[in-house]
Amino acid sequence: MSRAFKPMPIILDLVQKNFRKYKNIILEDVVKKDQQYLQWLNTQPWFKIKHKDLHLKLNILLIRVENVP
């Protein structure tokens, strides 16, 4: 796909295959449950390389959450 972001079902599939800790849970729910885990995950070099689209979506999501009062 040439779009900047993959559709949500594809992102969820990536999460389910690679991050079993949060299988079948959407990113927005994981942020509410374990934001620290996602912040750690987002700093890992292998995550940035292997999951570029998910990394970008996670960056946006984390910035949005940090800016909420």
C-alpha atoms as a PDB file:
ATOM      1  CA  MET A   1       0.000   0.000   0.000  1.00  0.00           C
ATOM      2  CA  SER A   2       1.227   3.447  -0.795  1.00  0.00           C
ATOM      3  CA  ARG A   3      -0.863   5.264   1.811  1.00  0.00           C
ATOM      4  CA  ALA A   4       0.789   6.629   4.928  1.00  0.00           C
ATOM      5  CA  PHE A   5      -1.321   4.444   7.206  1.00  0.00           C
ATOM      6  CA  LYS A   6      -2.693   0.960   6.770  1.00  0.00           C
ATOM      7  CA  PRO A   7      -6.384   0.356   7.446  1.00  0.00           C
ATOM      8  CA  MET A   8      -7.223  -0.502  11.063  1.00  0.00           C
ATOM      9  CA  PRO A   9      -7.829  -4.260  10.373  1.00  0.00           C
ATOM     10  CA  ILE A  10      -4.293  -4.602   9.007  1.00  0.00           C
ATOM     11  CA  ILE A  11      -2.849  -2.744  11.976  1.00  0.00           C
ATOM     12  CA  LEU A  12      -4.791  -4.958  14.355  1.00  0.00           C
ATOM     13  CA  ASP A  13      -3.501  -8.025  12.526  1.00  0.00           C
ATOM     14  CA  LEU A  14       0.097  -6.798  12.955  1.00  0.00           C
ATOM     15  CA  VAL A  15      -0.500  -6.230  16.654  1.00  0.00           C
ATOM     16  CA  GLN A  16      -2.026  -9.661  17.099  1.00  0.00           C
ATOM     17  CA  LYS A  17       0.822 -11.439  15.315  1.00  0.00           C
ATOM     18  CA  ASN A  18       3.668  -9.590  16.977  1.00  0.00           C
ATOM     19  CA  PHE A  19       2.504  -8.363  20.369  1.00  0.00           C
ATOM     20  CA  ARG A  20       0.749 -11.248  22.041  1.00  0.00           C
ATOM     21  CA  LYS A  21       0.558  -9.405  25.348  1.00  0.00           C
ATOM     22  CA  TYR A  22      -2.276  -7.338  23.854  1.00  0.00           C
ATOM     23  CA  LYS A  23      -3.795  -9.742  21.384  1.00  0.00           C
ATOM     24  CA  ASN A  24      -7.264  -8.693  20.178  1.00  0.00           C
ATOM     25  CA  ILE A  25      -7.056  -5.258  21.841  1.00  0.00           C
ATOM     26  CA  ILE A  26      -7.000  -2.081  19.760  1.00  0.00           C
ATOM     27  CA  LEU A  27      -4.206   0.439  20.226  1.00  0.00           C
ATOM     28  CA  GLU A  28      -6.463   3.066  21.759  1.00  0.00           C
ATOM     29  CA  ASP A  29      -7.391   0.617  24.532  1.00  0.00           C
ATOM     30  CA  VAL A  30      -3.781  -0.395  25.125  1.00  0.00           C
ATOM     31  CA  VAL A  31      -2.854   3.269  25.578  1.00  0.00           C
ATOM     32  CA  LYS A  32      -5.442   3.530  28.349  1.00  0.00           C
ATOM     33  CA  LYS A  33      -4.239   0.305  29.997  1.00  0.00           C
ATOM     34  CA  ASP A  34      -0.475   0.415  29.573  1.00  0.00           C
ATOM     35  CA  GLN A  35       0.824   3.629  28.041  1.00  0.00           C
ATOM     36  CA  GLN A  36       4.279   2.971  29.472  1.00  0.00           C
ATOM     37  CA  TYR A  37       4.565  -0.272  27.491  1.00  0.00           C
ATOM     38  CA  LEU A  38       3.677   1.502  24.251  1.00  0.00           C
ATOM     39  CA  GLN A  39       6.168   4.286  24.977  1.00  0.00           C
ATOM     40  CA  TRP A  40       8.861   1.657  25.521  1.00  0.00           C
ATOM     41  CA  LEU A  41       7.828  -0.243  22.409  1.00  0.00           C
ATOM     42  CA  ASN A  42       7.926   2.916  20.339  1.00  0.00           C
ATOM     43  CA  THR A  43      11.587   3.501  21.258  1.00  0.00           C
ATOM     44  CA  GLN A  44      12.756   0.050  20.177  1.00  0.00           C
ATOM     45  CA  PRO A  45      14.813   0.104  16.944  1.00  0.00           C
ATOM     46  CA  TRP A  46      13.403  -3.225  15.705  1.00  0.00           C
ATOM     47  CA  PHE A  47       9.844  -1.908  16.102  1.00  0.00           C
ATOM     48  CA  LYS A  48      10.606   1.212  14.066  1.00  0.00           C
ATOM     49  CA  ILE A  49      12.171  -0.887  11.296  1.00  0.00           C
ATOM     50  CA  LYS A  50       9.779  -3.825  11.198  1.00  0.00           C
ATOM     51  CA  HIS A  51       6.513  -1.916  11.733  1.00  0.00           C
ATOM     52  CA  LYS A  52       6.959   1.537  10.189  1.00  0.00           C
ATOM     53  CA  ASP A  53       3.244   2.227   9.693  1.00  0.00           C
ATOM     54  CA  LEU A  54       2.312   1.071  13.176  1.00  0.00           C
ATOM     55  CA  HIS A  55       5.188   3.095  14.630  1.00  0.00           C
ATOM     56  CA  LEU A  56       3.864   6.253  12.945  1.00  0.00           C
ATOM     57  CA  LYS A  57       0.318   5.614  14.156  1.00  0.00           C
ATOM     58  CA  LEU A  58       1.581   4.961  17.661  1.00  0.00           C
ATOM     59  CA  ASN A  59       3.589   8.211  17.628  1.00  0.00           C
ATOM     60  CA  ILE A  60       0.470  10.170  16.729  1.00  0.00           C
ATOM     61  CA  LEU A  61      -1.600   8.372  19.339  1.00  0.00           C
ATOM     62  CA  LEU A  62       0.958   8.925  22.116  1.00  0.00           C
ATOM     63  CA  ILE A  63       1.317  12.610  21.268  1.00  0.00           C
ATOM     64  CA  ARG A  64      -2.461  12.997  21.322  1.00  0.00           C
ATOM     65  CA  VAL A  65      -2.677  11.302  24.737  1.00  0.00           C
ATOM     66  CA  GLU A  66       0.149  13.427  26.170  1.00  0.00           C
ATOM     67  CA  ASN A  67      -1.615  16.618  25.083  1.00  0.00           C
ATOM     68  CA  VAL A  68      -4.861  15.754  26.860  1.00  0.00           C
ATOM     69  CA  PRO A  69      -5.154  17.726  30.117  1.00  0.00           C
END
